[in-house]
Each structure stands twice: as structure tokens, then as C-alpha cells.
Amino acid sequence: MKSTVLIVDDNDINLMLLSALAESVTSLTPVTFSDPVKAVEWCNSNTPDLILVDYMMPELNGHEFIKIVRQFTHCASIPIVMVTTENEKKIRHIALNIGATEFIAKPVDVPECRSRIRNLLALRHAQTLLEDKAKLLQHEVEKATQDIRQRERELVIRLSKAAEYRDPETGAHVQRMAHYSKLIARSLGLSEEFQQMILDAAPMHDVGKLATPDYILLKPGKLDDEEMAIMRRHATIGAQILGGSDAPIIQLGEEIAGSHHEKFDGSGYPLKLVGEQIPLSGRIVAVADVFDALVSERPYKKPWPIDDARQYIINNSGKHFCPKCVDAFLNAWNGVLEIKNKFAD
């Protein structure tokens, strides 16, 4: 393995001697500087395998040089050897405390110096190998995690499509309400991770309709009280279908399925939760789902004009809908219009 040795010493004779020793070990010409300031500049954009630095130098002494170089993330673990006289114990103690790895005493003992360079480079190579293995392991873990999440998303898509086959609502509705939900989450200042999670999980909101009879689901007229009671079971059934999963995206889907028909004033279903008792995900999806249902055609209704639907959301803030979610929705109105046009039926 090729090794880069950096040598910093303002004495030309010492610089030549240390360079010759380093080259005899590595078979490569080392990088040398007689000016420690220029050596620091070089370290800022390069990563040597070993640094040999003198203590007594103009502008920056060895201690100051080490302190600066150790602040560079890529140089934090590189072996640094300070070249000092044998009796400079205080200087050595300080050097150890600020990050020096080893010392070479003046006058330089050639066999000892060569052995120290060889041993420290071997240590650096072993350290690099471990770091590479750690990076490889981290990469493999990240890839495996991505694969798991991709399979979870695939499951979500398949569940959502299964529900679509039984529901008069179109796939475009599912896409729109999911993107509206993400838009509201972003407008609320929630994390990008949560924004992506709710985008992926929101399409499962009505998966419980798989258990709703066709004569109710596809009825062109208004449902009677008994039929409405059966229809409302889909929230509980959806949460049951998705319940018990270890996958975060399915857990969020369960939460949404069971809570997106709750109303802020407590008049919703299935649990008649009030205000912030309703999970935030359910409050977000409630706004997104109702708005898109209003502006979409159904077997039992014509689409509302978009301004009328917007006004309905405003009028029901604090009643049906969480006021914070309504404000977030309205504050992102241009994004709402873009989503509506992008995912048209």
C-alpha cells in the first residue's frame, strides 16, 4: 500500500535526513515543508498517512501545528510524530495531551527512526482497513434498511390498490390526498422524514373499505342510518388490518386509518376524540382527504368548485378540522393547486 508521509521542519538538513529515512521505508518521496503555515494549508485539503513535525519552528511551533491539524476531521486519527531533544519532557507531555502519537529524539537515531516510521505506517494501514470495513458495513446496513423500506412501500401500494378496486374513488384521489398531506406536514415545519412517511402511509387511510359491502360503497344516493353505521366501521377495520406491525410506515398507516374521520370538536368517529387527542397524522389527513373529496366527482355527488371547497375547510376550522392544519393547508395554497393539476383524474 502506498503511503504519504508529510515532514515539516524549518531546518533544511533535518528535512533532508528525515526525507531520506521516510523514502527508504515507503519507496515514495515524502511531502516536505520548511514553512509550517504552508504545511497546515496542505493538510486542509490532503490526508497524509504519517506526519513528522519539528517542535522549534518560526510562526507556528510543533504544538500549535498539531492543535490546528487535529481540528481537521480527516486528520483526526493520523499518527503524528514530534521531533524534539531528549530532555524536553515538558514539551513532550504537552504534545501528548494535544494529540501527538510518538516522538523522535534529536540527534536522530537512524535505525530507531526508520523502525518508528515503519511501525506507525503499519498502524495507520491497519486503522484505515478497519475504517474501510466499518464504512462497508455501514453501507450494507443502509442498503438493507433501504431494501426493507422499499418492500414496506410496495406493500403499502398493493394495499392501497386493493382498496381502490372496491372504492369509487380513483387512484388520482389517493395520490392527491397523500401529497396534500405531505404539503401540510411541510407547512407545519415537520421533519422531512415525517413528510415522506405521511406521503407513503396516507394512501392506506381507507383500506378498511375492503370490508364494506358493495351495495353501500357504490350506492349512488344518500346512506340511511344503518348503512352509515356500517360504512363508518371501515376506520376501525382499517386500523385492525394494519395493526400489530413493526414497520414504522405501517404503524403510521394504522394511526391514520383509525383517526382520519375524527373531528376536532369531538363529533367524529370511531372514538369521538377531541382536539389534540386526535393524532397529528389523522388531523393532517382529515383536511387533505375531505378537501379532495369535495372537489372530486363521486357516484353520489358532483365536484364542488375549488373556491367553495376552500371556504368549507375555512368554515369548519376548529369544528371538523384542526386549526393549525387548516392554516398550514391555506399557507401552502399554491402547492395545493399544483398538486390538483398534476394528479388530475
Protein backbone atom coordinates (compact mmCIF):
# COMPACT_ATOMS: atom_id res chain seq x y z
CA MET A 1 0.00 0.00 0.00
CA LYS A 2 1.32 3.43 -0.94
CA SER A 3 1.93 5.76 1.99
CA THR A 4 2.11 9.54 2.07
CA VAL A 5 4.49 10.95 4.69
CA LEU A 6 4.41 14.66 5.50
CA ILE A 7 7.56 16.18 7.03
CA VAL A 8 7.59 19.70 8.50
CA ASP A 9 10.91 21.17 9.68
CA ASP A 10 12.45 24.59 9.14
CA ASN A 11 15.98 23.12 9.20
CA ASP A 12 16.99 22.02 5.70
CA ILE A 13 19.47 19.40 6.95
CA ASN A 14 16.90 17.77 9.22
CA LEU A 15 14.38 17.92 6.40
CA MET A 16 16.76 16.08 4.04
CA LEU A 17 17.64 13.44 6.66
CA LEU A 18 14.04 12.69 7.62
CA SER A 19 13.01 12.65 3.96
CA ALA A 20 15.68 10.10 3.12
CA LEU A 21 14.62 7.88 6.04
CA ALA A 22 10.94 8.08 5.10
CA GLU A 23 11.68 7.33 1.46
CA SER A 24 13.79 4.30 2.44
CA VAL A 25 10.73 2.84 4.22
CA THR A 26 7.99 3.77 1.75
CA SER A 27 9.91 3.95 -1.55
CA LEU A 28 7.99 7.18 -2.13
CA THR A 29 9.24 10.75 -1.97
CA PRO A 30 7.63 12.38 1.09
CA VAL A 31 5.84 15.73 1.04
CA THR A 32 8.08 18.29 2.78
CA PHE A 33 7.59 21.83 4.06
CA SER A 34 10.01 24.16 5.79
CA ASP A 35 7.13 26.57 6.42
CA PRO A 36 4.60 25.15 8.93
CA VAL A 37 1.88 27.57 7.78
CA LYS A 38 2.05 26.19 4.23
CA ALA A 39 2.06 22.67 5.68
CA VAL A 40 -1.20 23.43 7.50
CA GLU A 41 -2.72 24.71 4.25
CA TRP A 42 -1.68 21.48 2.53
CA CYS A 43 -3.23 19.38 5.32
CA ASN A 44 -6.50 21.23 4.94
CA SER A 45 -7.07 19.54 1.58
CA ASN A 46 -4.86 16.43 1.78
CA THR A 47 -4.69 13.37 4.03
CA PRO A 48 -1.19 12.04 4.80
CA ASP A 49 -0.63 8.65 6.42
CA LEU A 50 2.05 9.96 8.80
CA ILE A 51 3.27 13.39 9.90
CA LEU A 52 6.76 14.16 11.22
CA VAL A 53 6.95 17.66 12.71
CA ASP A 54 9.70 19.56 14.48
CA TYR A 55 8.92 21.48 17.66
CA MET A 56 11.06 24.62 17.25
CA MET A 57 9.80 26.43 14.13
CA PRO A 58 9.00 30.07 13.26
CA GLU A 59 5.40 31.36 13.11
CA LEU A 60 3.97 28.01 14.33
CA ASN A 61 5.75 25.72 16.76
CA GLY A 62 5.06 21.98 16.82
CA HIS A 63 2.33 22.25 19.46
CA GLU A 64 0.44 24.91 17.54
CA PHE A 65 0.76 22.91 14.33
CA ILE A 66 -0.66 19.76 15.96
CA LYS A 67 -3.59 21.65 17.50
CA ILE A 68 -4.61 23.07 14.11
CA VAL A 69 -4.17 19.83 12.16
CA ARG A 70 -6.13 17.79 14.72
CA GLN A 71 -9.12 20.07 14.08
CA PHE A 72 -9.34 18.78 10.51
CA THR A 73 -11.76 15.83 10.59
CA HIS A 74 -9.76 13.85 8.02
CA CYS A 75 -6.57 14.29 10.09
CA ALA A 76 -8.04 13.49 13.50
CA SER A 77 -6.56 9.98 13.72
CA ILE A 78 -3.38 10.28 11.65
CA PRO A 79 -0.17 9.35 13.55
CA ILE A 80 1.86 12.48 14.32
CA VAL A 81 5.49 12.21 15.42
CA MET A 82 7.13 15.22 17.08
CA VAL A 83 10.88 15.62 16.70
CA THR A 84 12.39 17.02 19.93
CA THR A 85 15.53 16.83 22.03
CA GLU A 86 15.71 14.03 24.59
CA ASN A 87 15.44 16.32 27.65
CA GLU A 88 12.32 18.29 26.58
CA LYS A 89 9.94 16.32 28.82
CA LYS A 90 7.51 19.18 29.43
CA ILE A 91 7.20 19.75 25.69
CA ARG A 92 6.56 16.04 25.19
CA HIS A 93 3.85 15.94 27.86
CA ILE A 94 2.04 18.86 26.28
CA ALA A 95 2.37 17.26 22.85
CA LEU A 96 0.80 14.03 24.09
CA ASN A 97 -2.13 15.94 25.58
CA ILE A 98 -2.87 17.76 22.32
CA GLY A 99 -2.63 14.74 20.04
CA ALA A 100 0.97 13.68 19.31
CA THR A 101 1.31 9.94 18.78
CA GLU A 102 5.05 9.38 19.22
CA PHE A 103 8.42 11.16 19.45
CA ILE A 104 11.78 11.01 17.71
CA ALA A 105 14.70 12.34 19.72
CA LYS A 106 17.43 14.60 18.39
CA PRO A 107 20.02 13.75 17.31
CA VAL A 108 18.10 11.28 15.17
CA ASP A 109 19.00 7.61 15.60
CA VAL A 110 18.63 6.29 12.02
CA PRO A 111 17.64 2.63 12.75
CA GLU A 112 15.23 3.72 15.50
CA CYS A 113 13.68 6.41 13.31
CA ARG A 114 13.25 4.00 10.41
CA SER A 115 11.59 1.44 12.71
CA ARG A 116 9.22 4.03 14.18
CA ILE A 117 8.17 5.22 10.73
CA ARG A 118 7.60 1.63 9.58
CA ASN A 119 5.60 0.69 12.70
CA LEU A 120 3.43 3.80 12.64
CA LEU A 121 2.65 3.37 8.95
CA ALA A 122 1.66 -0.25 9.64
CA LEU A 123 -0.59 1.01 12.43
CA ARG A 124 -2.12 3.59 10.09
CA HIS A 125 -2.75 0.98 7.41
CA ALA A 126 -4.48 -1.30 9.92
CA GLN A 127 -6.53 1.65 11.15
CA THR A 128 -7.54 2.54 7.58
CA LEU A 129 -8.52 -1.04 6.89
CA LEU A 130 -10.79 -1.06 9.95
CA GLU A 131 -12.32 2.26 8.91
CA ASP A 132 -12.95 0.91 5.41
CA LYS A 133 -14.60 -2.20 6.85
CA ALA A 134 -16.74 -0.03 9.12
CA LYS A 135 -17.80 2.11 6.15
CA LEU A 136 -18.56 -1.02 4.12
CA LEU A 137 -20.63 -2.44 6.99
CA GLN A 138 -22.47 0.86 7.37
CA HIS A 139 -23.16 0.89 3.63
CA GLU A 140 -24.51 -2.65 3.77
CA VAL A 141 -26.75 -1.78 6.73
CA GLU A 142 -28.05 1.32 4.96
CA LYS A 143 -28.71 -0.69 1.80
CA ALA A 144 -30.54 -3.40 3.76
CA THR A 145 -32.61 -0.72 5.52
CA GLN A 146 -33.47 0.87 2.17
CA ASP A 147 -34.50 -2.54 0.81
CA ILE A 148 -36.78 -3.11 3.81
CA ARG A 149 -38.35 0.32 3.43
CA GLN A 150 -38.83 -0.28 -0.28
CA ARG A 151 -40.65 -3.54 0.45
CA GLU A 152 -42.78 -1.73 3.03
CA ARG A 153 -43.68 0.92 0.44
CA GLU A 154 -44.51 -1.82 -2.06
CA LEU A 155 -46.84 -3.41 0.50
CA VAL A 156 -48.49 -0.03 1.07
CA ILE A 157 -49.01 0.45 -2.67
CA ARG A 158 -50.53 -3.01 -3.04
CA LEU A 159 -52.88 -2.48 -0.07
CA SER A 160 -53.91 0.90 -1.46
CA LYS A 161 -54.56 -0.57 -4.90
CA ALA A 162 -56.64 -3.36 -3.38
CA ALA A 163 -58.80 -0.75 -1.66
CA GLU A 164 -59.10 1.25 -4.89
CA TYR A 165 -60.62 -1.72 -6.72
CA ARG A 166 -63.55 -1.66 -4.27
CA ASP A 167 -63.85 2.08 -3.85
CA PRO A 168 -65.39 4.51 -6.34
CA GLU A 169 -62.59 6.93 -5.50
CA THR A 170 -59.84 6.99 -8.13
CA GLY A 171 -56.15 6.35 -7.74
CA ALA A 172 -55.63 10.03 -8.53
CA HIS A 173 -57.57 10.90 -5.36
CA VAL A 174 -55.22 8.75 -3.30
CA GLN A 175 -52.21 10.44 -4.86
CA ARG A 176 -53.60 13.92 -4.37
CA MET A 177 -54.62 13.48 -0.74
CA ALA A 178 -51.25 11.88 0.06
CA HIS A 179 -49.38 14.81 -1.49
CA TYR A 180 -51.70 17.31 0.21
CA SER A 181 -50.85 15.56 3.49
CA LYS A 182 -47.13 15.89 2.83
CA LEU A 183 -47.62 19.54 1.89
CA ILE A 184 -49.43 20.25 5.16
CA ALA A 185 -46.73 18.45 7.14
CA ARG A 186 -44.06 20.57 5.45
CA SER A 187 -46.06 23.77 6.07
CA LEU A 188 -46.28 22.78 9.75
CA GLY A 189 -42.48 22.60 9.85
CA LEU A 190 -42.35 18.85 10.47
CA SER A 191 -39.24 16.85 9.60
CA GLU A 192 -38.54 15.67 6.06
CA GLU A 193 -38.61 12.11 7.40
CA PHE A 194 -42.16 12.57 8.68
CA GLN A 195 -43.20 14.29 5.44
CA GLN A 196 -42.05 11.25 3.47
CA MET A 197 -43.65 8.87 5.96
CA ILE A 198 -47.06 10.51 5.73
CA LEU A 199 -46.82 10.62 1.94
CA ASP A 200 -46.21 6.87 1.95
CA ALA A 201 -48.73 5.99 4.68
CA ALA A 202 -51.68 8.25 3.80
CA PRO A 203 -52.83 6.08 0.84
CA MET A 204 -53.81 3.39 3.38
CA HIS A 205 -56.35 5.66 5.07
CA ASP A 206 -59.38 3.83 3.67
CA VAL A 207 -58.02 0.29 3.46
CA GLY A 208 -60.84 -0.77 5.81
CA LYS A 209 -63.31 -0.24 2.96
CA LEU A 210 -62.22 -3.66 1.74
CA ALA A 211 -64.77 -4.95 4.26
CA THR A 212 -67.57 -2.56 3.26
CA PRO A 213 -70.36 -4.19 1.17
CA ASP A 214 -70.70 -3.01 -2.43
CA TYR A 215 -74.35 -2.02 -2.02
CA ILE A 216 -73.18 0.60 0.49
CA LEU A 217 -69.87 1.54 -1.05
CA LEU A 218 -71.33 2.06 -4.54
CA LYS A 219 -74.74 3.41 -3.57
CA PRO A 220 -75.49 6.50 -5.71
CA GLY A 221 -77.83 8.07 -3.15
CA LYS A 222 -77.55 9.09 0.47
CA LEU A 223 -76.89 6.33 3.00
CA ASP A 224 -79.51 5.67 5.67
CA ASP A 225 -78.54 5.48 9.34
CA GLU A 226 -77.95 1.72 9.31
CA GLU A 227 -75.86 1.90 6.15
CA MET A 228 -73.88 4.83 7.53
CA ALA A 229 -73.10 2.85 10.69
CA ILE A 230 -71.75 0.00 8.54
CA MET A 231 -69.74 2.43 6.40
CA ARG A 232 -68.16 4.01 9.48
CA ARG A 233 -66.78 0.67 10.58
CA HIS A 234 -64.11 0.97 7.89
CA ALA A 235 -62.00 3.24 10.14
CA THR A 236 -61.79 0.61 12.89
CA ILE A 237 -61.38 -2.24 10.42
CA GLY A 238 -58.58 -0.39 8.60
CA ALA A 239 -56.70 0.09 11.87
CA GLN A 240 -57.19 -3.61 12.66
CA ILE A 241 -55.90 -4.69 9.23
CA LEU A 242 -52.74 -2.63 9.72
CA GLY A 243 -52.36 -3.26 13.46
CA GLY A 244 -49.52 -5.15 15.09
CA SER A 245 -46.81 -4.28 12.55
CA ASP A 246 -43.21 -3.47 13.50
CA ALA A 247 -42.79 -1.36 10.35
CA PRO A 248 -43.00 2.40 11.12
CA ILE A 249 -44.79 3.14 7.86
CA ILE A 250 -47.49 0.53 8.59
CA GLN A 251 -47.79 1.81 12.16
CA LEU A 252 -48.40 5.31 10.82
CA GLY A 253 -50.91 3.87 8.35
CA GLU A 254 -52.75 2.22 11.25
CA GLU A 255 -52.86 5.54 13.11
CA ILE A 256 -54.19 7.38 10.05
CA ALA A 257 -56.78 4.73 9.17
CA GLY A 258 -58.20 4.80 12.68
CA SER A 259 -58.21 8.56 13.23
CA HIS A 260 -58.73 10.47 9.98
CA HIS A 261 -62.54 10.55 10.46
CA GLU A 262 -62.28 12.03 13.95
CA LYS A 263 -63.37 15.68 14.21
CA PHE A 264 -61.67 18.39 16.22
CA ASP A 265 -64.87 19.15 18.16
CA GLY A 266 -65.33 15.50 19.17
CA SER A 267 -68.23 14.70 16.84
CA GLY A 268 -66.25 12.35 14.59
CA TYR A 269 -65.73 8.59 14.65
CA PRO A 270 -64.87 5.90 15.69
CA LEU A 271 -63.72 7.15 19.15
CA LYS A 272 -65.10 10.72 19.25
CA LEU A 273 -61.67 12.08 20.12
CA VAL A 274 -61.39 15.82 20.81
CA GLY A 275 -58.76 18.32 19.69
CA GLU A 276 -55.19 17.17 20.10
CA GLN A 277 -56.35 13.79 21.41
CA ILE A 278 -56.54 13.06 17.70
CA PRO A 279 -53.10 12.00 16.37
CA LEU A 280 -51.48 14.73 14.29
CA SER A 281 -51.32 12.40 11.28
CA GLY A 282 -55.10 11.91 11.44
CA ARG A 283 -55.71 15.66 11.73
CA ILE A 284 -53.49 16.32 8.70
CA VAL A 285 -55.09 13.63 6.55
CA ALA A 286 -58.61 14.78 7.54
CA VAL A 287 -58.02 18.15 5.84
CA ALA A 288 -56.36 16.59 2.79
CA ASP A 289 -58.97 13.84 2.36
CA VAL A 290 -62.08 15.99 2.80
CA PHE A 291 -60.81 18.77 0.55
CA ASP A 292 -60.08 16.37 -2.28
CA ALA A 293 -63.36 14.51 -1.77
CA LEU A 294 -65.23 17.81 -2.11
CA VAL A 295 -63.58 18.80 -5.40
CA SER A 296 -63.85 15.26 -6.86
CA GLU A 297 -66.81 13.60 -8.57
CA ARG A 298 -68.47 10.69 -6.77
CA PRO A 299 -71.41 8.40 -7.64
CA TYR A 300 -73.49 10.40 -5.17
CA LYS A 301 -72.26 13.98 -5.94
CA LYS A 302 -70.83 16.39 -8.45
CA PRO A 303 -67.44 18.05 -7.79
CA TRP A 304 -67.51 21.30 -5.84
CA PRO A 305 -65.86 24.45 -7.23
CA ILE A 306 -62.43 24.73 -5.67
CA ASP A 307 -63.18 28.06 -4.00
CA ASP A 308 -66.28 26.58 -2.34
CA ALA A 309 -64.23 23.64 -1.05
CA ARG A 310 -61.57 26.03 0.27
CA GLN A 311 -64.24 28.05 2.07
CA TYR A 312 -65.72 24.86 3.56
CA ILE A 313 -62.33 23.99 5.05
CA ILE A 314 -62.06 27.51 6.50
CA ASN A 315 -65.62 27.48 7.89
CA ASN A 316 -65.00 24.16 9.65
CA SER A 317 -61.69 25.07 11.24
CA GLY A 318 -61.98 24.25 14.94
CA LYS A 319 -65.10 22.14 14.28
CA HIS A 320 -64.23 19.34 11.87
CA PHE A 321 -60.60 20.32 11.32
CA CYS A 322 -57.56 21.19 13.43
CA PRO A 323 -56.99 24.98 13.07
CA LYS A 324 -53.21 24.53 12.83
CA CYS A 325 -53.61 22.06 9.97
CA VAL A 326 -56.10 24.35 8.20
CA ASP A 327 -53.70 27.30 8.47
CA ALA A 328 -50.83 25.14 7.18
CA PHE A 329 -53.01 23.99 4.26
CA LEU A 330 -54.03 27.54 3.33
CA ASN A 331 -50.48 28.87 3.69
CA ALA A 332 -49.40 26.34 1.06
CA TRP A 333 -52.27 27.10 -1.30
CA ASN A 334 -50.11 27.46 -4.42
CA GLY A 335 -48.76 23.98 -3.75
CA VAL A 336 -52.34 22.68 -3.35
CA LEU A 337 -53.25 23.99 -6.81
CA GLU A 338 -50.10 22.46 -8.32
CA ILE A 339 -50.91 19.04 -6.84
CA LYS A 340 -54.54 19.21 -8.02
CA ASN A 341 -53.42 19.94 -11.58
CA LYS A 342 -50.57 17.42 -11.58
CA PHE A 343 -52.69 14.47 -10.42
CA ALA A 344 -55.88 15.22 -12.31
CA ASP A 345 -58.45 12.43 -12.79
